[in-house]
Amino acid sequence: MTVVDITGGICGFTTTVTTESTAPYTAVFHLESECANWKKVEDILGGEPLNAMTELFKDKGTGKLNSKVLEVSLATIPHVSCPVISGILKSIEVSTGLALPKDAAITFKDA
C-alpha cells in the first residue's frame, strides 16, 4: 500500500491518496480530501481497478494517452495545475512497483 499526502498550495487543501496494487500493473486508489472537487473524483474513480501502464504511458501504436485519471481530473477539477493529479499518478506508479517512493516538490524562489 502507498499513502501520499498532497498539499494543493494557496488553496490550503490537503488530499491523501491511498493506493494498492491488486494485480500486476493494476492498482486502485482512494482519496480523502478537503477539496469538494477531489471528492467528486473519488466518487467517480475511487476503487476502480486501473492499468498502471495505460495510466502512465502513451500507447506505443497511436501515441495517445488513455489515462482515466487525467481524463476524469481534467473534466472535474477546474484548476489543472493542481499537484494532486501528479500525486495520484505517482502513487499508482509506486504501488505497482514501477518507481521507488521519493518525495517530489515544487519550490518557489525569490527572483
PDB file of N, CA and C in Angstrom:
ATOM      1  N   MET A   1       0.845  -1.176   0.000  1.00  0.00           N
ATOM      2  CA  MET A   1       0.000   0.000   0.000  1.00  0.00           C
ATOM      3  C   MET A   1       0.894   1.244   0.000  1.00  0.00           C
ATOM      4  N   THR A   2       0.466   2.239  -0.756  1.00  0.00           N
ATOM      5  CA  THR A   2       1.180   3.506  -0.845  1.00  0.00           C
ATOM      6  C   THR A   2       0.249   4.611  -0.368  1.00  0.00           C
ATOM      7  N   VAL A   3       0.740   5.464   0.517  1.00  0.00           N
ATOM      8  CA  VAL A   3      -0.040   6.587   1.021  1.00  0.00           C
ATOM      9  C   VAL A   3       0.741   7.867   0.736  1.00  0.00           C
ATOM     10  N   VAL A   4       0.057   8.826   0.116  1.00  0.00           N
ATOM     11  CA  VAL A   4       0.684  10.088  -0.272  1.00  0.00           C
ATOM     12  C   VAL A   4      -0.179  11.229   0.263  1.00  0.00           C
ATOM     13  N   ASP A   5       0.446  12.185   0.959  1.00  0.00           N
ATOM     14  CA  ASP A   5      -0.231  13.406   1.377  1.00  0.00           C
ATOM     15  C   ASP A   5       0.188  14.527   0.439  1.00  0.00           C
ATOM     16  N   ILE A   6      -0.796  15.259  -0.073  1.00  0.00           N
ATOM     17  CA  ILE A   6      -0.521  16.333  -1.038  1.00  0.00           C
ATOM     18  C   ILE A   6      -1.178  17.613  -0.542  1.00  0.00           C
ATOM     19  N   THR A   7      -0.385  18.673  -0.441  1.00  0.00           N
ATOM     20  CA  THR A   7      -0.910  19.996  -0.120  1.00  0.00           C
ATOM     21  C   THR A   7      -1.022  20.751  -1.433  1.00  0.00           C
ATOM     22  N   GLY A   8      -2.227  21.215  -1.725  1.00  0.00           N
ATOM     23  CA  GLY A   8      -2.507  21.828  -3.021  1.00  0.00           C
ATOM     24  C   GLY A   8      -1.778  23.132  -3.272  1.00  0.00           C
ATOM     25  N   GLY A   9      -1.505  23.900  -2.276  1.00  0.00           N
ATOM     26  CA  GLY A   9      -0.857  25.197  -2.465  1.00  0.00           C
ATOM     27  C   GLY A   9      -1.664  26.282  -1.800  1.00  0.00           C
ATOM     28  N   ILE A  10      -1.924  27.355  -2.519  1.00  0.00           N
ATOM     29  CA  ILE A  10      -2.586  28.520  -1.942  1.00  0.00           C
ATOM     30  C   ILE A  10      -3.994  28.212  -1.445  1.00  0.00           C
ATOM     31  N   CYS A  11      -4.643  27.204  -2.009  1.00  0.00           N
ATOM     32  CA  CYS A  11      -5.980  26.823  -1.532  1.00  0.00           C
ATOM     33  C   CYS A  11      -5.924  26.290  -0.102  1.00  0.00           C
ATOM     34  N   GLY A  12      -4.769  25.717   0.279  1.00  0.00           N
ATOM     35  CA  GLY A  12      -4.597  25.180   1.618  1.00  0.00           C
ATOM     36  C   GLY A  12      -5.207  23.811   1.842  1.00  0.00           C
ATOM     37  N   PHE A  13      -5.808  23.228   0.810  1.00  0.00           N
ATOM     38  CA  PHE A  13      -6.436  21.914   0.943  1.00  0.00           C
ATOM     39  C   PHE A  13      -5.386  20.810   0.948  1.00  0.00           C
ATOM     40  N   THR A  14      -5.642  19.802   1.756  1.00  0.00           N
ATOM     41  CA  THR A  14      -4.795  18.616   1.799  1.00  0.00           C
ATOM     42  C   THR A  14      -5.596  17.439   1.262  1.00  0.00           C
ATOM     43  N   THR A  15      -4.939  16.628   0.456  1.00  0.00           N
ATOM     44  CA  THR A  15      -5.548  15.419  -0.089  1.00  0.00           C
ATOM     45  C   THR A  15      -4.640  14.248   0.239  1.00  0.00           C
ATOM     46  N   THR A  16      -5.208  13.173   0.739  1.00  0.00           N
ATOM     47  CA  THR A  16      -4.466  11.942   0.993  1.00  0.00           C
ATOM     48  C   THR A  16      -4.910  10.913  -0.030  1.00  0.00           C
ATOM     49  N   VAL A  17      -3.931  10.344  -0.725  1.00  0.00           N
ATOM     50  CA  VAL A  17      -4.177   9.310  -1.724  1.00  0.00           C
ATOM     51  C   VAL A  17      -3.639   7.995  -1.164  1.00  0.00           C
ATOM     52  N   THR A  18      -4.489   6.988  -1.110  1.00  0.00           N
ATOM     53  CA  THR A  18      -4.081   5.652  -0.684  1.00  0.00           C
ATOM     54  C   THR A  18      -4.265   4.729  -1.878  1.00  0.00           C
ATOM     55  N   THR A  19      -3.170   4.108  -2.290  1.00  0.00           N
ATOM     56  CA  THR A  19      -3.177   3.272  -3.492  1.00  0.00           C
ATOM     57  C   THR A  19      -2.678   1.880  -3.147  1.00  0.00           C
ATOM     58  N   GLU A  20      -3.317   0.879  -3.747  1.00  0.00           N
ATOM     59  CA  GLU A  20      -2.916  -0.501  -3.506  1.00  0.00           C
ATOM     60  C   GLU A  20      -2.885  -1.259  -4.820  1.00  0.00           C
ATOM     61  N   SER A  21      -1.820  -2.008  -5.019  1.00  0.00           N
ATOM     62  CA  SER A  21      -1.726  -2.856  -6.200  1.00  0.00           C
ATOM     63  C   SER A  21      -2.612  -4.072  -5.969  1.00  0.00           C
ATOM     64  N   THR A  22      -3.457  -4.375  -6.964  1.00  0.00           N
ATOM     65  CA  THR A  22      -4.384  -5.502  -6.835  1.00  0.00           C
ATOM     66  C   THR A  22      -4.007  -6.675  -7.742  1.00  0.00           C
ATOM     67  N   ALA A  23      -3.143  -6.433  -8.697  1.00  0.00           N
ATOM     68  CA  ALA A  23      -2.644  -7.442  -9.638  1.00  0.00           C
ATOM     69  C   ALA A  23      -1.426  -6.809 -10.302  1.00  0.00           C
ATOM     70  N   PRO A  24      -0.644  -7.579 -11.046  1.00  0.00           N
ATOM     71  CA  PRO A  24       0.499  -6.964 -11.723  1.00  0.00           C
ATOM     72  C   PRO A  24       0.059  -5.775 -12.586  1.00  0.00           C
ATOM     73  N   TYR A  25       0.700  -4.641 -12.364  1.00  0.00           N
ATOM     74  CA  TYR A  25       0.445  -3.401 -13.105  1.00  0.00           C
ATOM     75  C   TYR A  25      -0.993  -2.898 -12.978  1.00  0.00           C
ATOM     76  N   THR A  26      -1.685  -3.312 -11.934  1.00  0.00           N
ATOM     77  CA  THR A  26      -3.043  -2.849 -11.691  1.00  0.00           C
ATOM     78  C   THR A  26      -3.126  -2.307 -10.269  1.00  0.00           C
ATOM     79  N   ALA A  27      -3.803  -1.171 -10.116  1.00  0.00           N
ATOM     80  CA  ALA A  27      -3.933  -0.560  -8.795  1.00  0.00           C
ATOM     81  C   ALA A  27      -5.305   0.082  -8.642  1.00  0.00           C
ATOM     82  N   VAL A  28      -5.711   0.242  -7.394  1.00  0.00           N
ATOM     83  CA  VAL A  28      -6.896   1.018  -7.058  1.00  0.00           C
ATOM     84  C   VAL A  28      -6.452   2.115  -6.102  1.00  0.00           C
ATOM     85  N   PHE A  29      -7.138   3.254  -6.164  1.00  0.00           N
ATOM     86  CA  PHE A  29      -6.825   4.314  -5.213  1.00  0.00           C
ATOM     87  C   PHE A  29      -8.100   4.850  -4.587  1.00  0.00           C
ATOM     88  N   HIS A  30      -7.912   5.483  -3.441  1.00  0.00           N
ATOM     89  CA  HIS A  30      -8.976   6.209  -2.763  1.00  0.00           C
ATOM     90  C   HIS A  30      -8.411   7.544  -2.320  1.00  0.00           C
ATOM     91  N   LEU A  31      -9.257   8.569  -2.357  1.00  0.00           N
ATOM     92  CA  LEU A  31      -8.879   9.915  -1.963  1.00  0.00           C
ATOM     93  C   LEU A  31      -9.650  10.341  -0.730  1.00  0.00           C
ATOM     94  N   GLU A  32      -8.983  11.026   0.159  1.00  0.00           N
ATOM     95  CA  GLU A  32      -9.635  11.769   1.228  1.00  0.00           C
ATOM     96  C   GLU A  32      -9.159  13.190   1.043  1.00  0.00           C
ATOM     97  N   SER A  33     -10.083  14.124   0.852  1.00  0.00           N
ATOM     98  CA  SER A  33      -9.689  15.488   0.533  1.00  0.00           C
ATOM     99  C   SER A  33     -10.610  16.509   1.179  1.00  0.00           C
ATOM    100  N   GLU A  34     -10.034  17.657   1.484  1.00  0.00           N
ATOM    101  CA  GLU A  34     -10.817  18.798   1.936  1.00  0.00           C
ATOM    102  C   GLU A  34     -11.458  19.510   0.747  1.00  0.00           C
ATOM    103  N   CYS A  35     -11.005  19.203  -0.468  1.00  0.00           N
ATOM    104  CA  CYS A  35     -11.479  19.850  -1.686  1.00  0.00           C
ATOM    105  C   CYS A  35     -12.714  19.123  -2.232  1.00  0.00           C
ATOM    106  N   ALA A  36     -13.793  19.873  -2.432  1.00  0.00           N
ATOM    107  CA  ALA A  36     -15.034  19.285  -2.951  1.00  0.00           C
ATOM    108  C   ALA A  36     -14.844  18.680  -4.335  1.00  0.00           C
ATOM    109  N   ASN A  37     -13.984  19.280  -5.149  1.00  0.00           N
ATOM    110  CA  ASN A  37     -13.754  18.757  -6.500  1.00  0.00           C
ATOM    111  C   ASN A  37     -13.046  17.406  -6.465  1.00  0.00           C
ATOM    112  N   TRP A  38     -12.085  17.246  -5.585  1.00  0.00           N
ATOM    113  CA  TRP A  38     -11.396  15.948  -5.496  1.00  0.00           C
ATOM    114  C   TRP A  38     -12.311  14.885  -4.906  1.00  0.00           C
ATOM    115  N   LYS A  39     -13.271  15.282  -4.080  1.00  0.00           N
ATOM    116  CA  LYS A  39     -14.262  14.322  -3.583  1.00  0.00           C
ATOM    117  C   LYS A  39     -15.089  13.770  -4.740  1.00  0.00           C
ATOM    118  N   LYS A  40     -15.347  14.604  -5.745  1.00  0.00           N
ATOM    119  CA  LYS A  40     -16.072  14.143  -6.938  1.00  0.00           C
ATOM    120  C   LYS A  40     -15.249  13.108  -7.702  1.00  0.00           C
ATOM    121  N   VAL A  41     -13.935  13.333  -7.803  1.00  0.00           N
ATOM    122  CA  VAL A  41     -13.062  12.362  -8.478  1.00  0.00           C
ATOM    123  C   VAL A  41     -13.094  11.034  -7.728  1.00  0.00           C
ATOM    124  N   GLU A  42     -13.070  11.086  -6.407  1.00  0.00           N
ATOM    125  CA  GLU A  42     -13.161   9.866  -5.598  1.00  0.00           C
ATOM    126  C   GLU A  42     -14.459   9.127  -5.899  1.00  0.00           C
ATOM    127  N   ASP A  43     -15.554   9.864  -6.013  1.00  0.00           N
ATOM    128  CA  ASP A  43     -16.844   9.235  -6.319  1.00  0.00           C
ATOM    129  C   ASP A  43     -16.828   8.533  -7.677  1.00  0.00           C
ATOM    130  N   ILE A  44     -16.093   9.070  -8.621  1.00  0.00           N
ATOM    131  CA  ILE A  44     -16.052   8.509  -9.978  1.00  0.00           C
ATOM    132  C   ILE A  44     -15.036   7.377 -10.100  1.00  0.00           C
ATOM    133  N   LEU A  45     -13.811   7.577  -9.586  1.00  0.00           N
ATOM    134  CA  LEU A  45     -12.730   6.616  -9.816  1.00  0.00           C
ATOM    135  C   LEU A  45     -12.290   5.830  -8.585  1.00  0.00           C
ATOM    136  N   GLY A  46     -12.682   6.260  -7.406  1.00  0.00           N
ATOM    137  CA  GLY A  46     -12.227   5.589  -6.187  1.00  0.00           C
ATOM    138  C   GLY A  46     -12.559   4.113  -6.193  1.00  0.00           C
ATOM    139  N   GLY A  47     -11.550   3.287  -6.049  1.00  0.00           N
ATOM    140  CA  GLY A  47     -11.741   1.838  -6.003  1.00  0.00           C
ATOM    141  C   GLY A  47     -11.804   1.146  -7.353  1.00  0.00           C
ATOM    142  N   GLU A  48     -11.757   1.917  -8.446  1.00  0.00           N
ATOM    143  CA  GLU A  48     -11.787   1.300  -9.781  1.00  0.00           C
ATOM    144  C   GLU A  48     -10.401   0.754 -10.136  1.00  0.00           C
ATOM    145  N   PRO A  49     -10.306  -0.498 -10.564  1.00  0.00           N
ATOM    146  CA  PRO A  49      -9.006  -1.026 -10.981  1.00  0.00           C
ATOM    147  C   PRO A  49      -8.479  -0.262 -12.209  1.00  0.00           C
ATOM    148  N   LEU A  50      -7.245   0.199 -12.097  1.00  0.00           N
ATOM    149  CA  LEU A  50      -6.618   0.962 -13.173  1.00  0.00           C
ATOM    150  C   LEU A  50      -5.347   0.278 -13.634  1.00  0.00           C
ATOM    151  N   ASN A  51      -5.153   0.210 -14.929  1.00  0.00           N
ATOM    152  CA  ASN A  51      -3.946  -0.353 -15.508  1.00  0.00           C
ATOM    153  C   ASN A  51      -2.853   0.712 -15.449  1.00  0.00           C
ATOM    154  N   ALA A  52      -1.803   0.451 -14.677  1.00  0.00           N
ATOM    155  CA  ALA A  52      -0.736   1.435 -14.498  1.00  0.00           C
ATOM    156  C   ALA A  52      -0.057   1.782 -15.816  1.00  0.00           C
ATOM    157  N   MET A  53       0.108   0.827 -16.687  1.00  0.00           N
ATOM    158  CA  MET A  53       0.778   1.094 -17.964  1.00  0.00           C
ATOM    159  C   MET A  53      -0.055   2.053 -18.815  1.00  0.00           C
ATOM    160  N   THR A  54      -1.379   1.894 -18.788  1.00  0.00           N
ATOM    161  CA  THR A  54      -2.274   2.787 -19.534  1.00  0.00           C
ATOM    162  C   THR A  54      -2.318   4.168 -18.890  1.00  0.00           C
ATOM    163  N   GLU A  55      -2.291   4.210 -17.572  1.00  0.00           N
ATOM    164  CA  GLU A  55      -2.357   5.488 -16.860  1.00  0.00           C
ATOM    165  C   GLU A  55      -1.088   6.315 -17.027  1.00  0.00           C
ATOM    166  N   LEU A  56       0.055   5.659 -17.108  1.00  0.00           N
ATOM    167  CA  LEU A  56       1.332   6.370 -17.032  1.00  0.00           C
ATOM    168  C   LEU A  56       2.063   6.565 -18.352  1.00  0.00           C
ATOM    169  N   PHE A  57       1.694   5.812 -19.377  1.00  0.00           N
ATOM    170  CA  PHE A  57       2.445   5.865 -20.628  1.00  0.00           C
ATOM    171  C   PHE A  57       1.521   6.005 -21.835  1.00  0.00           C
ATOM    172  N   LYS A  58       2.020   6.671 -22.849  1.00  0.00           N
ATOM    173  CA  LYS A  58       1.279   6.791 -24.104  1.00  0.00           C
ATOM    174  C   LYS A  58       1.240   5.434 -24.807  1.00  0.00           C
ATOM    175  N   ASP A  59       0.189   5.192 -25.564  1.00  0.00           N
ATOM    176  CA  ASP A  59       0.059   3.988 -26.373  1.00  0.00           C
ATOM    177  C   ASP A  59       1.147   4.006 -27.438  1.00  0.00           C
ATOM    178  N   LYS A  60       1.947   2.961 -27.506  1.00  0.00           N
ATOM    179  CA  LYS A  60       3.055   2.925 -28.472  1.00  0.00           C
ATOM    180  C   LYS A  60       2.575   2.967 -29.918  1.00  0.00           C
ATOM    181  N   GLY A  61       1.424   2.389 -30.171  1.00  0.00           N
ATOM    182  CA  GLY A  61       0.909   2.334 -31.534  1.00  0.00           C
ATOM    183  C   GLY A  61       0.311   3.643 -32.015  1.00  0.00           C
ATOM    184  N   THR A  62      -0.433   4.313 -31.122  1.00  0.00           N
ATOM    185  CA  THR A  62      -1.133   5.528 -31.534  1.00  0.00           C
ATOM    186  C   THR A  62      -0.487   6.810 -31.036  1.00  0.00           C
ATOM    187  N   GLY A  63       0.361   6.697 -30.019  1.00  0.00           N
ATOM    188  CA  GLY A  63       0.964   7.882 -29.425  1.00  0.00           C
ATOM    189  C   GLY A  63       0.012   8.649 -28.526  1.00  0.00           C
ATOM    190  N   LYS A  64      -1.174   8.085 -28.263  1.00  0.00           N
ATOM    191  CA  LYS A  64      -2.172   8.761 -27.438  1.00  0.00           C
ATOM    192  C   LYS A  64      -2.086   8.303 -25.988  1.00  0.00           C
ATOM    193  N   LEU A  65      -2.449   9.197 -25.097  1.00  0.00           N
ATOM    194  CA  LEU A  65      -2.535   8.877 -23.686  1.00  0.00           C
ATOM    195  C   LEU A  65      -3.992   8.547 -23.372  1.00  0.00           C
ATOM    196  N   ASN A  66      -4.217   7.414 -22.725  1.00  0.00           N
ATOM    197  CA  ASN A  66      -5.576   6.955 -22.427  1.00  0.00           C
ATOM    198  C   ASN A  66      -5.815   6.865 -20.923  1.00  0.00           C
ATOM    199  N   SER A  67      -5.301   7.818 -20.176  1.00  0.00           N
ATOM    200  CA  SER A  67      -5.378   7.807 -18.724  1.00  0.00           C
ATOM    201  C   SER A  67      -6.759   8.221 -18.220  1.00  0.00           C
ATOM    202  N   LYS A  68      -7.397   7.331 -17.461  1.00  0.00           N
ATOM    203  CA  LYS A  68      -8.677   7.664 -16.834  1.00  0.00           C
ATOM    204  C   LYS A  68      -8.479   8.736 -15.760  1.00  0.00           C
ATOM    205  N   VAL A  69      -7.352   8.660 -15.041  1.00  0.00           N
ATOM    206  CA  VAL A  69      -7.064   9.660 -14.007  1.00  0.00           C
ATOM    207  C   VAL A  69      -7.016  11.051 -14.621  1.00  0.00           C
ATOM    208  N   LEU A  70      -6.275  11.197 -15.711  1.00  0.00           N
ATOM    209  CA  LEU A  70      -6.200  12.510 -16.358  1.00  0.00           C
ATOM    210  C   LEU A  70      -7.540  12.925 -16.953  1.00  0.00           C
ATOM    211  N   GLU A  71      -8.209  12.013 -17.604  1.00  0.00           N
ATOM    212  CA  GLU A  71      -9.497  12.327 -18.235  1.00  0.00           C
ATOM    213  C   GLU A  71     -10.517  12.825 -17.213  1.00  0.00           C
ATOM    214  N   VAL A  72     -10.668  12.084 -16.126  1.00  0.00           N
ATOM    215  CA  VAL A  72     -11.648  12.462 -15.107  1.00  0.00           C
ATOM    216  C   VAL A  72     -11.197  13.724 -14.369  1.00  0.00           C
ATOM    217  N   SER A  73      -9.923  13.823 -14.051  1.00  0.00           N
ATOM    218  CA  SER A  73      -9.418  15.001 -13.344  1.00  0.00           C
ATOM    219  C   SER A  73      -9.603  16.265 -14.171  1.00  0.00           C
ATOM    220  N   LEU A  74      -9.256  16.214 -15.435  1.00  0.00           N
ATOM    221  CA  LEU A  74      -9.370  17.395 -16.282  1.00  0.00           C
ATOM    222  C   LEU A  74     -10.829  17.786 -16.526  1.00  0.00           C
ATOM    223  N   ALA A  75     -11.734  16.811 -16.463  1.00  0.00           N
ATOM    224  CA  ALA A  75     -13.159  17.110 -16.622  1.00  0.00           C
ATOM    225  C   ALA A  75     -13.789  17.610 -15.321  1.00  0.00           C
ATOM    226  N   THR A  76     -13.169  17.321 -14.192  1.00  0.00           N
ATOM    227  CA  THR A  76     -13.760  17.598 -12.888  1.00  0.00           C
ATOM    228  C   THR A  76     -13.088  18.751 -12.141  1.00  0.00           C
ATOM    229  N   ILE A  77     -11.783  18.856 -12.268  1.00  0.00           N
ATOM    230  CA  ILE A  77     -11.007  19.824 -11.493  1.00  0.00           C
ATOM    231  C   ILE A  77     -10.847  21.108 -12.295  1.00  0.00           C
ATOM    232  N   PRO A  78     -11.320  22.243 -11.775  1.00  0.00           N
ATOM    233  CA  PRO A  78     -11.220  23.487 -12.541  1.00  0.00           C
ATOM    234  C   PRO A  78      -9.798  24.045 -12.623  1.00  0.00           C
ATOM    235  N   HIS A  79      -8.913  23.592 -11.754  1.00  0.00           N
ATOM    236  CA  HIS A  79      -7.554  24.125 -11.679  1.00  0.00           C
ATOM    237  C   HIS A  79      -6.569  23.040 -12.138  1.00  0.00           C
ATOM    238  N   VAL A  80      -6.236  23.027 -13.420  1.00  0.00           N
ATOM    239  CA  VAL A  80      -5.482  21.904 -13.992  1.00  0.00           C
ATOM    240  C   VAL A  80      -4.036  21.804 -13.510  1.00  0.00           C
ATOM    241  N   SER A  81      -3.510  22.845 -12.864  1.00  0.00           N
ATOM    242  CA  SER A  81      -2.146  22.742 -12.340  1.00  0.00           C
ATOM    243  C   SER A  81      -2.124  22.188 -10.915  1.00  0.00           C
ATOM    244  N   CYS A  82      -3.250  21.738 -10.404  1.00  0.00           N
ATOM    245  CA  CYS A  82      -3.306  21.167  -9.061  1.00  0.00           C
ATOM    246  C   CYS A  82      -2.358  19.971  -8.972  1.00  0.00           C
ATOM    247  N   PRO A  83      -1.473  19.948  -7.975  1.00  0.00           N
ATOM    248  CA  PRO A  83      -0.497  18.856  -7.871  1.00  0.00           C
ATOM    249  C   PRO A  83      -1.088  17.507  -7.480  1.00  0.00           C
ATOM    250  N   VAL A  84      -2.357  17.477  -7.117  1.00  0.00           N
ATOM    251  CA  VAL A  84      -2.982  16.195  -6.755  1.00  0.00           C
ATOM    252  C   VAL A  84      -2.992  15.256  -7.961  1.00  0.00           C
ATOM    253  N   ILE A  85      -3.147  15.797  -9.159  1.00  0.00           N
ATOM    254  CA  ILE A  85      -3.140  14.954 -10.359  1.00  0.00           C
ATOM    255  C   ILE A  85      -1.841  14.158 -10.434  1.00  0.00           C
ATOM    256  N   SER A  86      -0.721  14.832 -10.307  1.00  0.00           N
ATOM    257  CA  SER A  86       0.584  14.151 -10.338  1.00  0.00           C
ATOM    258  C   SER A  86       0.736  13.196  -9.167  1.00  0.00           C
ATOM    259  N   GLY A  87       0.224  13.603  -8.001  1.00  0.00           N
ATOM    260  CA  GLY A  87       0.331  12.754  -6.822  1.00  0.00           C
ATOM    261  C   GLY A  87      -0.390  11.427  -6.974  1.00  0.00           C
ATOM    262  N   ILE A  88      -1.566  11.455  -7.592  1.00  0.00           N
ATOM    263  CA  ILE A  88      -2.302  10.209  -7.836  1.00  0.00           C
ATOM    264  C   ILE A  88      -1.492   9.305  -8.767  1.00  0.00           C
ATOM    265  N   LEU A  89      -1.002   9.870  -9.853  1.00  0.00           N
ATOM    266  CA  LEU A  89      -0.244   9.072 -10.826  1.00  0.00           C
ATOM    267  C   LEU A  89       1.040   8.520 -10.218  1.00  0.00           C
ATOM    268  N   LYS A  90       1.744   9.327  -9.415  1.00  0.00           N
ATOM    269  CA  LYS A  90       2.966   8.840  -8.753  1.00  0.00           C
ATOM    270  C   LYS A  90       2.636   7.723  -7.770  1.00  0.00           C
ATOM    271  N   SER A  91       1.518   7.851  -7.068  1.00  0.00           N
ATOM    272  CA  SER A  91       1.111   6.824  -6.124  1.00  0.00           C
ATOM    273  C   SER A  91       0.821   5.498  -6.836  1.00  0.00           C
ATOM    274  N   ILE A  92       0.166   5.574  -7.996  1.00  0.00           N
ATOM    275  CA  ILE A  92      -0.076   4.368  -8.800  1.00  0.00           C
ATOM    276  C   ILE A  92       1.248   3.763  -9.241  1.00  0.00           C
ATOM    277  N   GLU A  93       2.155   4.613  -9.692  1.00  0.00           N
ATOM    278  CA  GLU A  93       3.465   4.157 -10.166  1.00  0.00           C
ATOM    279  C   GLU A  93       4.230   3.421  -9.062  1.00  0.00           C
ATOM    280  N   VAL A  94       4.244   3.982  -7.866  1.00  0.00           N
ATOM    281  CA  VAL A  94       4.970   3.356  -6.755  1.00  0.00           C
ATOM    282  C   VAL A  94       4.275   2.087  -6.293  1.00  0.00           C
ATOM    283  N   SER A  95       2.968   2.116  -6.162  1.00  0.00           N
ATOM    284  CA  SER A  95       2.256   0.944  -5.632  1.00  0.00           C
ATOM    285  C   SER A  95       2.372  -0.270  -6.548  1.00  0.00           C
ATOM    286  N   THR A  96       2.553  -0.046  -7.845  1.00  0.00           N
ATOM    287  CA  THR A  96       2.688  -1.173  -8.777  1.00  0.00           C
ATOM    288  C   THR A  96       4.145  -1.553  -9.028  1.00  0.00           C
ATOM    289  N   GLY A  97       5.070  -0.917  -8.336  1.00  0.00           N
ATOM    290  CA  GLY A  97       6.480  -1.273  -8.455  1.00  0.00           C
ATOM    291  C   GLY A  97       7.187  -0.673  -9.654  1.00  0.00           C
ATOM    292  N   LEU A  98       6.575   0.307 -10.311  1.00  0.00           N
ATOM    293  CA  LEU A  98       7.207   0.942 -11.477  1.00  0.00           C
ATOM    294  C   LEU A  98       8.140   2.082 -11.095  1.00  0.00           C
ATOM    295  N   ALA A  99       8.135   2.475  -9.823  1.00  0.00           N
ATOM    296  CA  ALA A  99       9.038   3.504  -9.320  1.00  0.00           C
ATOM    297  C   ALA A  99       9.237   3.284  -7.825  1.00  0.00           C
ATOM    298  N   LEU A 100      10.327   3.821  -7.320  1.00  0.00           N
ATOM    299  CA  LEU A 100      10.564   3.790  -5.888  1.00  0.00           C
ATOM    300  C   LEU A 100       9.963   5.036  -5.256  1.00  0.00           C
ATOM    301  N   PRO A 101       9.547   4.944  -4.001  1.00  0.00           N
ATOM    302  CA  PRO A 101       8.974   6.134  -3.351  1.00  0.00           C
ATOM    303  C   PRO A 101      10.046   7.183  -3.075  1.00  0.00           C
ATOM    304  N   LYS A 102       9.813   8.375  -3.536  1.00  0.00           N
ATOM    305  CA  LYS A 102      10.726   9.500  -3.310  1.00  0.00           C
ATOM    306  C   LYS A 102       9.901  10.771  -3.345  1.00  0.00           C
ATOM    307  N   ASP A 103      10.051  11.611  -2.331  1.00  0.00           N
ATOM    308  CA  ASP A 103       9.315  12.875  -2.293  1.00  0.00           C
ATOM    309  C   ASP A 103       9.696  13.756  -3.471  1.00  0.00           C
ATOM    310  N   ALA A 104       8.714  14.492  -3.962  1.00  0.00           N
ATOM    311  CA  ALA A 104       8.924  15.479  -5.010  1.00  0.00           C
ATOM    312  C   ALA A 104       8.442  16.817  -4.465  1.00  0.00           C
ATOM    313  N   ALA A 105       8.883  17.912  -5.074  1.00  0.00           N
ATOM    314  CA  ALA A 105       8.479  19.227  -4.567  1.00  0.00           C
ATOM    315  C   ALA A 105       8.485  20.254  -5.690  1.00  0.00           C
ATOM    316  N   ILE A 106       7.655  21.266  -5.508  1.00  0.00           N
ATOM    317  CA  ILE A 106       7.702  22.475  -6.330  1.00  0.00           C
ATOM    318  C   ILE A 106       8.067  23.583  -5.364  1.00  0.00           C
ATOM    319  N   THR A 107       9.200  24.225  -5.579  1.00  0.00           N
ATOM    320  CA  THR A 107       9.685  25.236  -4.642  1.00  0.00           C
ATOM    321  C   THR A 107       9.814  26.564  -5.362  1.00  0.00           C
ATOM    322  N   PHE A 108       9.143  27.577  -4.843  1.00  0.00           N
ATOM    323  CA  PHE A 108       9.232  28.912  -5.428  1.00  0.00           C
ATOM    324  C   PHE A 108      10.388  29.683  -4.794  1.00  0.00           C
ATOM    325  N   LYS A 109      11.206  30.288  -5.625  1.00  0.00           N
ATOM    326  CA  LYS A 109      12.357  31.057  -5.181  1.00  0.00           C
ATOM    327  C   LYS A 109      12.101  32.531  -5.422  1.00  0.00           C
ATOM    328  N   ASP A 110      12.632  33.385  -4.554  1.00  0.00           N
ATOM    329  CA  ASP A 110      12.542  34.824  -4.789  1.00  0.00           C
ATOM    330  C   ASP A 110      13.431  35.180  -5.973  1.00  0.00           C
ATOM    331  N   ALA A 111      12.898  36.004  -6.881  1.00  0.00           N
ATOM    332  CA  ALA A 111      13.675  36.395  -8.062  1.00  0.00           C
ATOM    333  C   ALA A 111      14.580  37.564  -7.768  1.00  0.00           C
TER     334      ALA A 111
END
